[in-house]
Amino acid sequence: MQLDLNNVDSIVAWWRVWPGRHDSYLDYKAKASPEFAHSIGAARRLIAADPELQRLRRQSAQERRRQRMADMARGDEAPEALAVAAPAEHAPA
């Protein structure tokens, strides 16, 4: 799959493949490459408005939390990492 950061539909389709990983990348990319901030913001608004995509976001946050807990149980992660349980809702730019 190719990602076109100028195309909102492309961003949403790409995000849908791996929401947990792709949320973080979009956070980074919007800051590092402000020329894409508008389309990334529009994609986030579409994600926030779609109940199915919101369900994917919640499932992804739950999975990340379970993974952090498993990492902590193995001694791979510090307890303070659990304080960040889910990504904050992204405010429109």
C-alpha atoms as a PDB file:
ATOM      1  CA  MET A   1       0.000   0.000   0.000  1.00  0.00           C
ATOM      2  CA  GLN A   2       1.278   3.452  -0.846  1.00  0.00           C
ATOM      3  CA  LEU A   3       0.542   6.452   1.349  1.00  0.00           C
ATOM      4  CA  ASP A   4      -0.158   9.823  -0.247  1.00  0.00           C
ATOM      5  CA  LEU A   5       0.022  12.389   2.550  1.00  0.00           C
ATOM      6  CA  ASN A   6      -1.714  14.944   0.342  1.00  0.00           C
ATOM      7  CA  ASN A   7      -4.786  12.718  -0.048  1.00  0.00           C
ATOM      8  CA  VAL A   8      -7.161  12.405   2.908  1.00  0.00           C
ATOM      9  CA  ASP A   9      -8.710   9.155   1.650  1.00  0.00           C
ATOM     10  CA  SER A  10      -5.251   7.633   1.236  1.00  0.00           C
ATOM     11  CA  ILE A  11      -4.320   8.607   4.794  1.00  0.00           C
ATOM     12  CA  VAL A  12      -7.510   7.094   6.243  1.00  0.00           C
ATOM     13  CA  ALA A  13      -7.103   3.865   4.256  1.00  0.00           C
ATOM     14  CA  TRP A  14      -3.470   3.563   5.377  1.00  0.00           C
ATOM     15  CA  TRP A  15      -4.324   4.386   9.011  1.00  0.00           C
ATOM     16  CA  ARG A  16      -6.977   1.679   9.000  1.00  0.00           C
ATOM     17  CA  VAL A  17      -4.335  -1.036   8.364  1.00  0.00           C
ATOM     18  CA  TRP A  18      -2.562  -0.486  11.721  1.00  0.00           C
ATOM     19  CA  PRO A  19      -4.182   2.313  13.767  1.00  0.00           C
ATOM     20  CA  GLY A  20      -1.885   2.043  16.767  1.00  0.00           C
ATOM     21  CA  ARG A  21       1.307   2.390  14.789  1.00  0.00           C
ATOM     22  CA  HIS A  22      -0.057   4.818  12.235  1.00  0.00           C
ATOM     23  CA  ASP A  23      -1.525   7.248  14.812  1.00  0.00           C
ATOM     24  CA  SER A  24       1.971   7.786  16.181  1.00  0.00           C
ATOM     25  CA  TYR A  25       3.467   8.218  12.732  1.00  0.00           C
ATOM     26  CA  LEU A  26       0.838  10.803  11.768  1.00  0.00           C
ATOM     27  CA  ASP A  27       1.575  12.732  14.992  1.00  0.00           C
ATOM     28  CA  TYR A  28       5.236  12.788  14.052  1.00  0.00           C
ATOM     29  CA  LYS A  29       4.679  13.591  10.381  1.00  0.00           C
ATOM     30  CA  ALA A  30       2.290  16.495  11.052  1.00  0.00           C
ATOM     31  CA  LYS A  31       4.980  18.131  13.216  1.00  0.00           C
ATOM     32  CA  ALA A  32       8.011  17.227  11.114  1.00  0.00           C
ATOM     33  CA  SER A  33       6.402  18.081   7.762  1.00  0.00           C
ATOM     34  CA  PRO A  34       3.885  20.893   8.259  1.00  0.00           C
ATOM     35  CA  GLU A  35       3.007  20.837   4.564  1.00  0.00           C
ATOM     36  CA  PHE A  36       0.982  17.694   5.342  1.00  0.00           C
ATOM     37  CA  ALA A  37      -0.650  18.982   8.545  1.00  0.00           C
ATOM     38  CA  HIS A  38      -3.845  20.082   6.789  1.00  0.00           C
ATOM     39  CA  SER A  39      -4.524  16.727   5.105  1.00  0.00           C
ATOM     40  CA  ILE A  40      -3.520  14.792   8.243  1.00  0.00           C
ATOM     41  CA  GLY A  41      -5.891  16.954  10.306  1.00  0.00           C
ATOM     42  CA  ALA A  42      -8.709  16.372   7.814  1.00  0.00           C
ATOM     43  CA  ALA A  43      -8.065  12.604   7.950  1.00  0.00           C
ATOM     44  CA  ARG A  44      -8.180  12.678  11.754  1.00  0.00           C
ATOM     45  CA  ARG A  45     -11.515  14.493  11.620  1.00  0.00           C
ATOM     46  CA  LEU A  46     -12.888  11.796   9.288  1.00  0.00           C
ATOM     47  CA  ILE A  47     -11.622   9.090  11.636  1.00  0.00           C
ATOM     48  CA  ALA A  48     -13.200  10.844  14.631  1.00  0.00           C
ATOM     49  CA  ALA A  49     -16.544  11.163  12.818  1.00  0.00           C
ATOM     50  CA  ASP A  50     -16.815   7.511  11.736  1.00  0.00           C
ATOM     51  CA  PRO A  51     -18.090   5.075  14.412  1.00  0.00           C
ATOM     52  CA  GLU A  52     -16.328   2.084  12.802  1.00  0.00           C
ATOM     53  CA  LEU A  53     -12.989   3.890  12.725  1.00  0.00           C
ATOM     54  CA  GLN A  54     -13.477   5.011  16.325  1.00  0.00           C
ATOM     55  CA  ARG A  55     -14.032   1.351  17.261  1.00  0.00           C
ATOM     56  CA  LEU A  56     -10.716   0.487  15.574  1.00  0.00           C
ATOM     57  CA  ARG A  57      -9.003   3.300  17.496  1.00  0.00           C
ATOM     58  CA  ARG A  58     -10.383   2.032  20.822  1.00  0.00           C
ATOM     59  CA  GLN A  59      -9.382  -1.573  20.057  1.00  0.00           C
ATOM     60  CA  SER A  60      -5.909  -0.417  19.106  1.00  0.00           C
ATOM     61  CA  ALA A  61      -5.531   1.541  22.359  1.00  0.00           C
ATOM     62  CA  GLN A  62      -6.645  -1.506  24.357  1.00  0.00           C
ATOM     63  CA  GLU A  63      -4.171  -3.731  22.525  1.00  0.00           C
ATOM     64  CA  ARG A  64      -1.300  -1.302  23.160  1.00  0.00           C
ATOM     65  CA  ARG A  65      -2.185  -1.238  26.856  1.00  0.00           C
ATOM     66  CA  ARG A  66      -2.264  -5.059  27.011  1.00  0.00           C
ATOM     67  CA  GLN A  67       1.119  -5.180  25.274  1.00  0.00           C
ATOM     68  CA  ARG A  68       2.645  -2.667  27.705  1.00  0.00           C
ATOM     69  CA  MET A  69       1.319  -4.697  30.633  1.00  0.00           C
ATOM     70  CA  ALA A  70       2.833  -7.878  29.169  1.00  0.00           C
ATOM     71  CA  ASP A  71       6.134  -6.053  28.617  1.00  0.00           C
ATOM     72  CA  MET A  72       6.062  -4.834  32.211  1.00  0.00           C
ATOM     73  CA  ALA A  73       5.362  -8.355  33.495  1.00  0.00           C
ATOM     74  CA  ARG A  74       8.491  -9.529  31.656  1.00  0.00           C
ATOM     75  CA  GLY A  75      10.451  -6.584  33.060  1.00  0.00           C
ATOM     76  CA  ASP A  76      10.786  -4.924  29.652  1.00  0.00           C
ATOM     77  CA  GLU A  77       9.110  -1.633  30.525  1.00  0.00           C
ATOM     78  CA  ALA A  78       8.934   0.802  33.419  1.00  0.00           C
ATOM     79  CA  PRO A  79       5.600   1.088  35.340  1.00  0.00           C
ATOM     80  CA  GLU A  80       5.190   4.785  34.483  1.00  0.00           C
ATOM     81  CA  ALA A  81       4.658   3.768  30.855  1.00  0.00           C
ATOM     82  CA  LEU A  82       1.200   2.543  31.854  1.00  0.00           C
ATOM     83  CA  ALA A  83       0.152   6.107  32.640  1.00  0.00           C
ATOM     84  CA  VAL A  84      -0.413   6.663  28.922  1.00  0.00           C
ATOM     85  CA  ALA A  85      -3.242   4.239  28.264  1.00  0.00           C
ATOM     86  CA  ALA A  86      -4.666   5.617  25.036  1.00  0.00           C
ATOM     87  CA  PRO A  87      -3.952   8.331  22.514  1.00  0.00           C
ATOM     88  CA  ALA A  88      -5.631  11.644  23.221  1.00  0.00           C
ATOM     89  CA  GLU A  89      -8.249  12.719  20.747  1.00  0.00           C
ATOM     90  CA  HIS A  90      -6.600  14.865  18.148  1.00  0.00           C
ATOM     91  CA  ALA A  91      -7.890  18.391  18.081  1.00  0.00           C
ATOM     92  CA  PRO A  92      -8.535  19.850  14.654  1.00  0.00           C
ATOM     93  CA  ALA A  93      -5.626  21.901  13.390  1.00  0.00           C
END
